[in-house]
N, C-alpha and C. Protein backbone atom coordinates (compact mmCIF):
# COMPACT_ATOMS: atom_id res chain seq x y z
N MET A 1 15.61 -14.05 6.71
CA MET A 1 15.52 -12.51 5.98
C MET A 1 13.71 -12.58 6.00
N VAL A 2 13.40 -11.08 6.28
CA VAL A 2 11.89 -11.13 6.26
C VAL A 2 11.95 -10.06 5.29
N VAL A 3 10.69 -10.75 4.59
CA VAL A 3 10.49 -9.96 3.14
C VAL A 3 8.80 -9.63 3.75
N LEU A 4 8.87 -7.89 3.67
CA LEU A 4 7.54 -6.98 3.85
C LEU A 4 7.19 -6.65 2.39
N VAL A 5 6.18 -7.46 2.36
CA VAL A 5 5.21 -7.23 1.16
C VAL A 5 3.98 -5.68 1.10
N LEU A 6 4.77 -5.07 0.32
CA LEU A 6 3.79 -3.70 0.65
C LEU A 6 2.59 -3.46 -0.13
N ASP A 7 1.43 -3.42 -0.31
CA ASP A 7 0.68 -2.77 -1.13
C ASP A 7 0.82 -1.59 -2.17
N PRO A 8 1.08 -1.85 -3.32
CA PRO A 8 1.34 -1.29 -4.76
C PRO A 8 0.35 -0.09 -4.62
N ARG A 9 -1.06 0.17 -4.29
CA ARG A 9 -1.54 1.32 -4.08
C ARG A 9 -0.93 2.09 -3.21
N TRP A 10 -0.62 1.57 -1.88
CA TRP A 10 -0.33 2.49 -1.16
C TRP A 10 0.86 2.05 -0.30
N PRO A 11 1.73 2.35 -0.82
CA PRO A 11 3.05 1.49 -0.29
C PRO A 11 3.33 2.01 1.00
N ASP A 12 2.98 3.26 1.31
CA ASP A 12 3.51 3.99 2.50
C ASP A 12 2.72 3.58 3.62
N MET A 13 1.29 2.46 3.38
CA MET A 13 0.58 2.34 4.71
C MET A 13 1.14 0.98 5.34
N ILE A 14 1.45 1.24 6.53
CA ILE A 14 2.39 -0.02 7.09
C ILE A 14 1.99 -0.41 8.70
N PRO A 15 1.32 -1.14 8.79
CA PRO A 15 0.90 -1.35 10.13
C PRO A 15 2.03 -1.06 11.37
N VAL A 16 1.48 -0.65 12.18
CA VAL A 16 2.36 0.19 13.27
C VAL A 16 2.86 -0.82 14.23
N GLU A 17 1.93 -2.41 14.32
CA GLU A 17 3.15 -3.45 14.65
C GLU A 17 4.30 -3.88 13.94
N VAL A 18 4.27 -3.68 12.84
CA VAL A 18 5.15 -4.46 11.45
C VAL A 18 6.22 -3.19 12.46
N LEU A 19 6.18 -1.91 11.90
CA LEU A 19 7.27 -0.86 12.54
C LEU A 19 7.87 -1.40 13.98
N ASN A 20 6.92 -1.71 14.62
CA ASN A 20 7.99 -2.17 15.78
C ASN A 20 8.66 -3.53 15.72
N GLN A 21 8.65 -4.14 14.51
CA GLN A 21 9.74 -5.46 14.42
C GLN A 21 10.88 -5.31 13.87
N ILE A 22 11.13 -4.26 13.15
CA ILE A 22 11.96 -3.96 12.13
C ILE A 22 13.26 -3.73 13.36
N ARG A 23 14.22 -4.49 12.87
CA ARG A 23 15.48 -4.49 13.83
C ARG A 23 16.89 -4.64 12.63
N GLY A 24 16.27 -5.20 12.22
CA GLY A 24 17.69 -5.56 10.94
C GLY A 24 17.59 -4.33 10.11
N PRO A 25 18.84 -4.70 9.18
CA PRO A 25 19.34 -4.31 7.93
C PRO A 25 17.98 -3.60 7.05
N VAL A 26 17.77 -2.69 6.21
CA VAL A 26 16.41 -2.66 5.46
C VAL A 26 17.01 -2.29 4.01
N THR A 27 16.57 -2.92 2.95
CA THR A 27 17.00 -3.02 1.50
C THR A 27 15.26 -2.85 0.54
N TYR A 28 15.26 -1.71 -0.39
CA TYR A 28 14.28 -2.02 -0.61
C TYR A 28 14.23 -2.22 -2.02
N THR A 29 13.33 -3.33 -2.78
CA THR A 29 13.21 -3.37 -4.23
C THR A 29 12.77 -1.77 -5.17
N GLY A 30 13.02 -2.21 -6.33
CA GLY A 30 12.87 -0.88 -7.24
C GLY A 30 11.71 -0.43 -7.11
N ASP A 31 10.52 -1.07 -7.13
CA ASP A 31 8.96 -0.89 -7.60
C ASP A 31 8.78 -0.52 -6.13
N VAL A 32 9.26 -0.20 -5.00
CA VAL A 32 8.91 0.57 -4.13
C VAL A 32 9.18 2.40 -4.43
N PRO A 33 8.40 2.88 -4.42
CA PRO A 33 8.56 4.58 -4.61
C PRO A 33 9.79 4.61 -3.80
N ALA A 34 10.42 6.02 -3.94
CA ALA A 34 11.35 7.11 -3.11
C ALA A 34 10.49 7.51 -1.66
N HIS A 35 9.50 8.01 -1.88
CA HIS A 35 9.01 8.52 -0.66
C HIS A 35 8.18 7.40 0.26
N ALA A 36 8.54 5.85 -0.03
CA ALA A 36 8.11 5.20 1.15
C ALA A 36 9.17 4.18 1.51
N ARG A 37 10.29 4.40 1.25
CA ARG A 37 11.65 4.16 1.51
C ARG A 37 12.00 4.81 2.81
N SER A 38 11.53 4.62 4.11
CA SER A 38 11.84 5.69 4.91
C SER A 38 11.68 4.80 6.22
N LEU A 39 11.64 3.42 6.43
CA LEU A 39 11.11 2.11 7.65
C LEU A 39 12.07 3.27 8.75
N PRO A 40 11.80 3.29 9.97
CA PRO A 40 12.52 3.16 10.98
C PRO A 40 13.02 1.66 11.19
N ARG A 41 14.32 1.66 11.87
CA ARG A 41 14.41 0.55 12.54
C ARG A 41 14.51 0.47 14.19
N THR A 42 13.51 -0.42 15.14
CA THR A 42 13.55 0.17 16.16
C THR A 42 15.20 0.02 16.89
N ASP A 43 15.37 -0.89 16.23
CA ASP A 43 17.19 -1.06 17.44
C ASP A 43 18.35 -1.01 16.38
N THR A 44 19.25 0.01 16.18
CA THR A 44 20.18 0.46 15.41
C THR A 44 21.51 -0.72 15.81
N THR A 45 21.68 -0.77 16.67
CA THR A 45 22.83 -1.04 17.11
C THR A 45 22.61 -2.81 17.09
N ASP A 46 21.86 -3.32 16.73
CA ASP A 46 21.56 -5.03 16.60
C ASP A 46 21.94 -5.53 15.66
N THR A 47 23.47 -5.96 15.83
CA THR A 47 23.71 -6.59 14.17
C THR A 47 23.31 -7.71 14.06
N THR A 48 22.97 -8.67 14.94
CA THR A 48 22.93 -9.54 14.43
C THR A 48 21.27 -9.92 14.27
N ALA A 49 20.10 -9.28 14.24
CA ALA A 49 19.07 -9.13 13.58
C ALA A 49 19.00 -9.46 12.16
N GLU A 50 18.04 -10.05 11.77
CA GLU A 50 17.65 -10.33 10.30
C GLU A 50 17.45 -9.38 9.67
N PRO A 51 17.92 -9.32 8.06
CA PRO A 51 17.98 -8.16 7.38
C PRO A 51 15.98 -8.08 6.94
N TRP A 52 15.92 -7.02 6.42
CA TRP A 52 14.65 -6.98 5.82
C TRP A 52 14.71 -6.43 4.65
N LEU A 53 13.64 -7.16 3.26
CA LEU A 53 13.63 -6.91 2.43
C LEU A 53 11.80 -6.33 2.11
N VAL A 54 12.12 -4.89 1.63
CA VAL A 54 10.88 -4.33 1.66
C VAL A 54 10.17 -4.11 -0.38
N THR A 55 9.12 -4.96 -0.47
CA THR A 55 8.90 -4.61 -1.99
C THR A 55 7.05 -4.75 -1.98
N THR A 56 6.70 -4.66 -3.22
CA THR A 56 5.31 -5.02 -3.64
C THR A 56 5.28 -6.04 -4.06
N ASP A 57 6.41 -6.65 -4.73
CA ASP A 57 6.44 -7.94 -5.65
C ASP A 57 6.57 -9.07 -4.59
N GLU A 58 5.44 -10.39 -4.46
CA GLU A 58 6.03 -11.19 -3.13
C GLU A 58 7.19 -12.04 -4.12
N SER A 59 6.76 -12.34 -5.45
CA SER A 59 7.74 -13.26 -5.87
C SER A 59 8.97 -13.26 -5.70
N VAL A 60 9.86 -12.25 -5.04
CA VAL A 60 10.71 -11.98 -5.22
C VAL A 60 11.66 -12.19 -3.93
N ALA A 61 10.47 -12.67 -3.06
CA ALA A 61 11.10 -13.36 -1.84
C ALA A 61 11.72 -14.37 -1.71
N PRO A 62 12.76 -14.80 -1.25
CA PRO A 62 13.44 -16.28 -1.19
C PRO A 62 12.33 -16.96 -0.40
N ALA A 63 12.92 -18.14 -1.07
CA ALA A 63 12.30 -19.45 -0.40
C ALA A 63 11.94 -19.61 0.86
N ASP A 64 12.66 -19.15 1.64
CA ASP A 64 13.04 -19.58 3.05
C ASP A 64 12.68 -18.57 3.80
N ALA A 65 12.29 -17.32 3.62
CA ALA A 65 11.66 -16.01 3.73
C ALA A 65 10.68 -15.60 4.82
N GLU A 66 10.63 -15.05 5.52
CA GLU A 66 9.65 -15.00 6.49
C GLU A 66 8.72 -13.83 5.65
N ILE A 67 7.37 -13.97 5.25
CA ILE A 67 6.89 -13.06 4.30
C ILE A 67 5.42 -12.50 5.44
N ILE A 68 5.76 -11.06 5.40
CA ILE A 68 4.91 -10.41 6.00
C ILE A 68 4.22 -9.51 4.75
N ARG A 69 2.71 -9.76 4.86
CA ARG A 69 1.95 -8.75 3.78
C ARG A 69 1.13 -8.05 4.63
N VAL A 70 1.17 -6.67 4.17
CA VAL A 70 0.41 -5.77 4.88
C VAL A 70 -1.28 -6.28 4.09
N PRO A 71 -2.32 -5.87 5.63
CA PRO A 71 -3.52 -6.46 5.58
C PRO A 71 -4.39 -5.98 4.34
N SER A 72 -3.82 -4.87 3.30
CA SER A 72 -4.73 -4.25 2.55
C SER A 72 -4.97 -5.44 1.07
N LEU A 73 -3.61 -6.32 0.84
CA LEU A 73 -3.49 -6.65 0.04
C LEU A 73 -4.36 -8.38 0.01
N ASP A 74 -5.30 -8.60 1.06
CA ASP A 74 -5.90 -9.35 1.38
C ASP A 74 -7.73 -8.90 1.05
N ASP A 75 -7.59 -7.54 0.52
CA ASP A 75 -9.26 -6.81 0.10
C ASP A 75 -9.72 -7.62 -1.42
N PRO A 76 -10.52 -8.24 -1.21
CA PRO A 76 -11.29 -9.08 -1.92
C PRO A 76 -11.41 -8.32 -3.32
N VAL A 77 -11.69 -7.19 -3.26
CA VAL A 77 -11.74 -6.29 -4.71
C VAL A 77 -10.85 -6.09 -5.34
N TYR A 78 -9.58 -5.75 -4.48
CA TYR A 78 -7.98 -5.59 -4.96
C TYR A 78 -7.96 -7.53 -5.96
N GLN A 79 -8.00 -8.11 -4.63
CA GLN A 79 -7.51 -9.76 -5.39
C GLN A 79 -8.22 -9.68 -6.85
N ALA A 80 -9.61 -9.21 -6.93
CA ALA A 80 -10.46 -9.83 -8.24
C ALA A 80 -10.29 -8.61 -8.85
N VAL A 81 -9.63 -7.86 -8.97
CA VAL A 81 -8.86 -7.21 -9.93
C VAL A 81 -7.70 -7.53 -10.57
N ARG A 82 -6.82 -8.10 -9.26
CA ARG A 82 -5.65 -8.52 -10.19
C ARG A 82 -5.70 -9.91 -10.73
N VAL A 83 -6.81 -10.70 -10.39
CA VAL A 83 -7.03 -12.18 -10.75
C VAL A 83 -7.58 -11.82 -12.19
N MET A 84 -8.41 -11.02 -12.54
CA MET A 84 -8.82 -10.51 -14.20
C MET A 84 -7.87 -9.95 -14.81
N HIS A 85 -6.91 -9.61 -14.35
CA HIS A 85 -5.47 -8.62 -14.90
C HIS A 85 -4.62 -9.96 -15.31
N ALA A 86 -4.88 -10.68 -14.03
CA ALA A 86 -3.97 -12.11 -14.93
C ALA A 86 -4.49 -12.92 -15.96
N ALA A 87 -5.89 -13.18 -15.54
CA ALA A 87 -6.58 -14.10 -16.82
C ALA A 87 -6.11 -13.20 -17.95
N ARG A 88 -6.46 -12.26 -17.97
CA ARG A 88 -6.28 -11.53 -19.17
C ARG A 88 -4.83 -11.51 -19.85
N THR A 89 -4.01 -11.08 -19.08
CA THR A 89 -2.46 -11.57 -19.40
C THR A 89 -2.18 -12.62 -19.79
N ARG A 90 -2.66 -13.69 -19.49
CA ARG A 90 -1.98 -15.06 -19.66
C ARG A 90 -2.81 -15.86 -20.60
N GLY A 91 -4.45 -15.69 -20.29
CA GLY A 91 -5.17 -16.63 -21.03
C GLY A 91 -5.54 -16.37 -22.42
N GLU A 92 -5.18 -17.13 -23.73
CA GLU A 92 -5.25 -16.77 -24.90
C GLU A 92 -6.87 -16.53 -24.74
N TRP A 93 -7.92 -17.04 -24.94
CA TRP A 93 -9.06 -16.84 -24.70
C TRP A 93 -9.58 -15.54 -24.15
N GLU A 94 -9.15 -15.33 -22.74
CA GLU A 94 -9.33 -13.80 -22.47
C GLU A 94 -8.70 -12.46 -22.97
N GLN A 95 -7.24 -13.26 -23.63
CA GLN A 95 -6.86 -12.21 -24.67
C GLN A 95 -7.61 -11.64 -25.86
N ALA A 96 -8.33 -12.73 -26.43
CA ALA A 96 -8.89 -12.61 -27.59
C ALA A 96 -10.29 -12.10 -27.55
N MET A 97 -10.70 -11.89 -26.25
CA MET A 97 -12.46 -10.93 -26.19
C MET A 97 -12.12 -9.47 -26.54
N THR A 98 -13.13 -9.21 -26.89
CA THR A 98 -13.40 -7.74 -27.00
C THR A 98 -14.52 -6.96 -26.01
N HIS A 99 -14.91 -5.89 -26.55
CA HIS A 99 -16.24 -5.45 -25.35
C HIS A 99 -17.32 -5.68 -26.50
N THR A 100 -17.18 -6.15 -27.36
CA THR A 100 -18.63 -6.90 -28.34
C THR A 100 -18.77 -8.48 -28.01
N SER A 101 -17.24 -8.98 -27.93
CA SER A 101 -17.28 -10.09 -28.20
C SER A 101 -17.94 -10.89 -27.05
N LEU A 102 -17.66 -10.29 -26.14
CA LEU A 102 -18.28 -10.48 -24.38
C LEU A 102 -19.54 -10.27 -24.13
N LEU A 103 -20.49 -9.63 -25.06
CA LEU A 103 -21.48 -8.95 -25.12
C LEU A 103 -22.59 -10.71 -24.86
N PRO A 104 -22.72 -11.67 -25.50
CA PRO A 104 -23.50 -12.31 -25.25
C PRO A 104 -23.34 -13.09 -23.83
N TYR A 105 -22.16 -13.50 -23.38
CA TYR A 105 -21.61 -13.68 -22.11
C TYR A 105 -22.49 -12.62 -21.10
N LEU A 106 -22.41 -11.25 -21.39
CA LEU A 106 -23.01 -10.35 -20.41
C LEU A 106 -24.56 -10.56 -20.27
N ARG A 107 -25.08 -10.90 -21.67
CA ARG A 107 -26.63 -11.10 -21.60
C ARG A 107 -26.66 -12.52 -20.75
N GLU A 108 -25.78 -13.68 -21.06
CA GLU A 108 -26.42 -14.17 -20.16
C GLU A 108 -26.07 -14.57 -18.64
N GLU A 109 -24.91 -14.03 -18.36
CA GLU A 109 -24.80 -13.79 -17.31
C GLU A 109 -26.39 -13.05 -16.59
N ALA A 110 -26.34 -11.92 -17.24
CA ALA A 110 -27.66 -10.69 -16.44
C ALA A 110 -29.06 -11.56 -16.41
N ALA A 111 -29.00 -12.63 -17.51
CA ALA A 111 -30.08 -13.27 -17.38
C ALA A 111 -30.57 -14.62 -16.39
N GLU A 112 -29.06 -15.17 -16.41
CA GLU A 112 -29.14 -16.12 -15.27
C GLU A 112 -29.37 -15.14 -13.68
N LEU A 113 -28.69 -14.56 -13.64
CA LEU A 113 -29.27 -13.46 -12.45
C LEU A 113 -30.65 -13.31 -11.98
N ALA A 114 -31.42 -12.55 -13.30
CA ALA A 114 -32.40 -12.10 -13.01
C ALA A 114 -33.10 -13.54 -12.79
N GLU A 115 -33.31 -14.71 -12.99
CA GLU A 115 -34.11 -15.62 -13.40
C GLU A 115 -33.69 -16.48 -12.06
N ALA A 116 -32.24 -16.30 -11.28
CA ALA A 116 -32.37 -16.69 -9.71
C ALA A 116 -33.08 -16.21 -8.96
N ILE A 117 -33.50 -14.35 -9.33
CA ILE A 117 -33.80 -13.89 -8.66
C ILE A 117 -35.55 -13.82 -8.55
N GLU A 118 -35.57 -14.45 -9.49
CA GLU A 118 -37.00 -14.44 -10.10
C GLU A 118 -37.26 -15.91 -9.30
N GLN A 119 -36.66 -17.28 -9.43
CA GLN A 119 -36.98 -18.10 -8.81
C GLN A 119 -36.87 -17.88 -7.57
N GLU A 120 -36.42 -17.21 -6.58
CA GLU A 120 -35.85 -17.18 -5.31
C GLU A 120 -35.05 -18.17 -5.22
N ALA A 121 -34.17 -18.14 -5.79
CA ALA A 121 -32.75 -18.72 -5.61
C ALA A 121 -32.41 -18.95 -4.17
N SER A 122 -31.29 -19.90 -3.58
CA SER A 122 -31.03 -19.70 -2.49
C SER A 122 -30.41 -18.43 -2.27
N GLU A 123 -29.71 -18.04 -1.17
CA GLU A 123 -28.52 -17.01 -1.16
C GLU A 123 -27.26 -17.85 -2.12
N GLU A 124 -26.43 -18.62 -1.80
CA GLU A 124 -25.60 -19.32 -2.21
C GLU A 124 -25.25 -18.87 -3.97
N GLU A 125 -26.94 -19.60 -4.06
CA GLU A 125 -27.27 -19.77 -6.02
C GLU A 125 -27.15 -18.13 -6.25
N LEU A 126 -27.37 -16.94 -5.81
CA LEU A 126 -27.68 -15.64 -5.94
C LEU A 126 -26.39 -15.40 -5.76
N LEU A 127 -25.60 -15.19 -4.76
CA LEU A 127 -24.08 -15.16 -5.01
C LEU A 127 -23.40 -15.53 -5.82
N THR A 128 -23.24 -16.78 -6.76
CA THR A 128 -23.02 -17.08 -7.59
C THR A 128 -23.05 -16.35 -8.52
N GLU A 129 -24.20 -16.25 -9.05
CA GLU A 129 -24.86 -15.42 -10.29
C GLU A 129 -24.13 -13.97 -10.19
N LEU A 130 -24.18 -13.28 -8.67
CA LEU A 130 -23.76 -12.21 -8.73
C LEU A 130 -22.42 -12.10 -9.32
N SER A 131 -21.70 -12.97 -8.79
CA SER A 131 -20.28 -13.01 -9.05
C SER A 131 -19.85 -13.20 -10.68
N ASP A 132 -21.06 -14.13 -11.01
CA ASP A 132 -20.73 -13.94 -12.97
C ASP A 132 -21.06 -12.49 -13.58
N VAL A 133 -22.02 -11.90 -12.63
CA VAL A 133 -22.02 -10.53 -13.18
C VAL A 133 -20.67 -9.52 -12.88
N LEU A 134 -20.19 -9.92 -11.74
CA LEU A 134 -19.01 -8.78 -11.33
C LEU A 134 -17.63 -9.37 -12.37
N LEU A 135 -17.80 -10.39 -12.98
CA LEU A 135 -16.53 -11.13 -13.76
C LEU A 135 -17.00 -10.26 -15.15
N GLN A 136 -18.13 -9.96 -15.61
CA GLN A 136 -18.22 -9.55 -16.66
C GLN A 136 -17.88 -7.77 -16.59
N VAL A 137 -18.54 -7.43 -15.35
CA VAL A 137 -17.86 -5.39 -15.21
C VAL A 137 -16.39 -5.56 -15.46
N LEU A 138 -15.87 -7.08 -14.20
CA LEU A 138 -13.97 -6.44 -14.17
C LEU A 138 -13.65 -6.97 -15.67
N PHE A 139 -13.87 -7.73 -16.46
CA PHE A 139 -13.44 -8.09 -17.61
C PHE A 139 -13.68 -7.03 -18.55
N HIS A 140 -14.51 -6.35 -18.52
CA HIS A 140 -14.68 -5.01 -19.58
C HIS A 140 -13.53 -3.83 -19.06
N SER A 141 -13.72 -3.99 -17.46
CA SER A 141 -13.10 -2.66 -17.58
C SER A 141 -11.37 -3.15 -17.21
N GLU A 142 -11.25 -4.33 -17.52
CA GLU A 142 -9.74 -4.77 -17.65
C GLU A 142 -9.14 -4.07 -19.48
N ILE A 143 -10.52 -4.75 -20.01
CA ILE A 143 -9.94 -4.41 -21.56
C ILE A 143 -9.81 -2.96 -21.69
N ALA A 144 -10.61 -1.82 -21.13
CA ALA A 144 -10.60 -0.62 -20.84
C ALA A 144 -9.38 -0.09 -20.53
N SER A 145 -9.03 -0.67 -19.37
CA SER A 145 -7.65 0.00 -18.96
C SER A 145 -6.35 -0.46 -19.61
N GLU A 146 -6.58 -1.46 -20.24
CA GLU A 146 -5.57 -1.84 -21.40
C GLU A 146 -4.95 -1.07 -22.46
N ARG A 147 -6.09 -0.06 -22.96
CA ARG A 147 -6.08 0.83 -23.82
C ARG A 147 -6.03 2.37 -23.62
N GLY A 148 -5.75 2.53 -22.01
CA GLY A 148 -5.86 3.95 -21.12
C GLY A 148 -7.15 4.37 -20.82
N ALA A 149 -8.38 3.90 -21.32
CA ALA A 149 -9.49 4.46 -20.72
C ALA A 149 -9.56 4.80 -19.68
N PHE A 150 -10.22 3.47 -18.73
CA PHE A 150 -10.58 3.63 -17.69
C PHE A 150 -10.34 2.28 -16.86
N SER A 151 -10.49 2.22 -15.51
CA SER A 151 -10.38 0.97 -14.93
C SER A 151 -11.37 0.45 -13.97
N PHE A 152 -11.26 -0.19 -13.21
CA PHE A 152 -12.27 -0.55 -12.11
C PHE A 152 -12.50 -0.10 -11.10
N PRO A 153 -11.47 0.86 -10.69
CA PRO A 153 -11.69 1.81 -9.52
C PRO A 153 -12.30 3.00 -10.19
N ASP A 154 -12.26 3.38 -11.64
CA ASP A 154 -12.61 4.40 -12.25
C ASP A 154 -14.19 4.01 -12.26
N VAL A 155 -14.71 2.86 -12.59
CA VAL A 155 -16.01 2.83 -12.88
C VAL A 155 -16.49 2.70 -11.20
N ALA A 156 -15.99 2.06 -9.96
CA ALA A 156 -16.52 1.94 -8.81
C ALA A 156 -16.81 3.90 -8.63
N GLY A 157 -15.54 4.61 -8.62
CA GLY A 157 -15.81 6.02 -8.69
C GLY A 157 -16.83 6.74 -9.40
N ALA A 158 -16.81 6.65 -10.89
CA ALA A 158 -18.30 6.79 -11.60
C ALA A 158 -19.67 6.48 -10.53
N PHE A 159 -19.76 5.29 -10.16
CA PHE A 159 -20.90 4.70 -9.52
C PHE A 159 -20.76 5.85 -8.07
N VAL A 160 -20.14 6.13 -7.61
CA VAL A 160 -20.09 7.23 -6.13
C VAL A 160 -20.47 8.63 -6.87
N ALA A 161 -19.83 8.84 -7.91
CA ALA A 161 -20.38 10.08 -8.27
C ALA A 161 -21.86 10.16 -8.62
N LYS A 162 -22.40 9.19 -9.65
CA LYS A 162 -23.62 8.65 -9.79
C LYS A 162 -24.60 9.51 -8.93
N MET A 163 -24.54 8.46 -7.64
CA MET A 163 -24.60 8.47 -6.51
C MET A 163 -24.90 10.02 -5.50
N ARG A 164 -23.75 10.54 -5.32
CA ARG A 164 -23.54 12.05 -5.17
C ARG A 164 -24.53 12.73 -5.73
N SER A 165 -24.73 12.49 -7.03
CA SER A 165 -25.72 13.11 -7.78
C SER A 165 -27.31 13.19 -7.99
N ARG A 166 -27.44 11.68 -7.69
CA ARG A 166 -28.64 11.21 -7.63
C ARG A 166 -29.38 10.95 -6.59
N ALA A 167 -28.31 10.71 -5.51
CA ALA A 167 -29.15 10.63 -4.25
C ALA A 167 -28.20 11.20 -2.91
N PRO A 168 -28.17 12.40 -3.06
CA PRO A 168 -26.85 13.61 -2.20
C PRO A 168 -27.60 13.37 -0.85
N TYR A 169 -28.84 12.79 -0.41
CA TYR A 169 -28.76 12.47 1.15
C TYR A 169 -27.89 11.55 1.43
N ILE A 170 -27.32 10.66 0.70
CA ILE A 170 -26.70 9.88 1.26
C ILE A 170 -25.34 10.47 2.07
N PHE A 171 -25.34 11.59 1.22
CA PHE A 171 -23.65 12.12 1.73
C PHE A 171 -23.75 13.53 2.64
N ASP A 172 -24.94 13.94 2.66
CA ASP A 172 -25.40 15.54 3.31
C ASP A 172 -25.08 15.23 4.92
N GLY A 173 -24.92 14.22 5.18
CA GLY A 173 -24.64 13.85 6.79
C GLY A 173 -26.41 13.85 7.57
N SER A 174 -26.91 14.26 6.75
CA SER A 174 -28.33 13.68 7.87
C SER A 174 -28.96 12.43 7.73
N THR A 175 -29.73 11.85 8.86
CA THR A 175 -30.05 10.44 8.80
C THR A 175 -31.45 10.45 9.06
N GLY A 176 -31.62 8.83 9.09
CA GLY A 176 -32.74 8.49 8.69
C GLY A 176 -33.56 8.48 7.33
N PRO A 177 -34.88 7.83 7.34
CA PRO A 177 -35.22 7.34 6.11
C PRO A 177 -35.79 8.42 5.36
N VAL A 178 -35.35 8.46 3.65
CA VAL A 178 -36.09 9.64 2.87
C VAL A 178 -36.95 8.84 2.63
N ASP A 179 -38.11 9.53 1.96
CA ASP A 179 -39.50 8.72 1.75
C ASP A 179 -39.20 8.86 0.11
N ILE A 180 -39.87 8.14 -0.62
CA ILE A 180 -40.00 7.73 -1.61
C ILE A 180 -39.92 9.15 -2.73
N GLU A 181 -41.30 9.69 -2.85
CA GLU A 181 -41.22 10.92 -3.73
C GLU A 181 -39.99 11.72 -3.40
N THR A 182 -39.42 12.32 -2.39
CA THR A 182 -38.17 13.04 -2.20
C THR A 182 -36.98 11.99 -3.57
N GLN A 183 -36.99 11.12 -3.01
CA GLN A 183 -35.87 9.97 -3.55
C GLN A 183 -36.02 9.79 -5.63
N ASP A 184 -37.41 9.80 -5.52
CA ASP A 184 -37.78 9.77 -6.92
C ASP A 184 -37.09 11.37 -7.82
N ARG A 185 -37.48 12.19 -6.97
CA ARG A 185 -37.56 13.86 -7.47
C ARG A 185 -35.85 14.03 -7.46
N LEU A 186 -35.52 13.54 -6.45
CA LEU A 186 -33.67 13.63 -6.69
C LEU A 186 -32.95 13.00 -7.37
N TRP A 187 -33.54 11.94 -7.85
CA TRP A 187 -32.92 11.13 -9.04
C TRP A 187 -33.01 11.80 -10.24
N ALA A 188 -34.37 12.39 -11.04
CA ALA A 188 -34.76 12.76 -11.99
C ALA A 188 -34.02 14.03 -12.05
N GLU A 189 -33.72 15.13 -10.87
CA GLU A 189 -33.20 16.16 -10.92
C GLU A 189 -31.95 15.95 -11.14
N GLY A 190 -30.81 14.88 -10.61
CA GLY A 190 -29.56 14.17 -11.17
C GLY A 190 -29.51 14.10 -11.89
N LYS A 191 -30.29 13.08 -12.74
CA LYS A 191 -30.49 12.58 -14.02
C LYS A 191 -30.19 13.65 -14.91
N ALA A 192 -31.26 14.94 -15.16
CA ALA A 192 -31.14 15.77 -16.00
C ALA A 192 -29.93 17.09 -16.07
N ARG A 193 -29.76 17.18 -14.42
CA ARG A 193 -28.08 17.73 -14.47
C ARG A 193 -26.59 17.17 -15.23
N GLU A 194 -26.75 15.48 -15.33
CA GLU A 194 -25.58 15.13 -15.79
C GLU A 194 -26.09 15.34 -17.31
N LYS A 195 -27.13 15.48 -17.68
CA LYS A 195 -27.78 15.31 -19.29
C LYS A 195 -26.92 16.39 -20.06
N HIS A 196 -27.03 17.60 -18.61
CA HIS A 196 -26.63 18.88 -19.24
C HIS A 196 -25.05 19.48 -19.05
């Protein structure tokens, strides 16, 4: 059996090279939405071809199955969100945390990043400190997601929206450097618009 593991965010995004490999009968697990259940079989006359199982849950794959994962599952940002979700779901300490109880850790990690920058730490140390700050952002996003408020992608979207408002030159198709005075003015104008 061949198991095709789809990305639950984009279950209908399947690499062309995978589509060309499908020869046997195709079945789907219940987590695959109806609109993503129309994979063509390259050769419908080959009755000896291996069956295919299409899912978004790799854990359903039989131990002896060949597993093909879509490349987007290897996106490190997606993996970070999933790891934080798993930590919050399974760890008692993580489950006990709130926005307020995490504040000392957020302050500590931000201070350690600032110290690393001030001391001109190595690139490796800077990377580690930045990942610690990202952990805090992921943690707070996961807590908010559990109550239905917002999720990490919403935080990323809010960042992009802020940049559209405060640095419109990044999005207007123009090229070349933007002088500091223009940047300062546009940032202030965007910030003022957001307050109203």
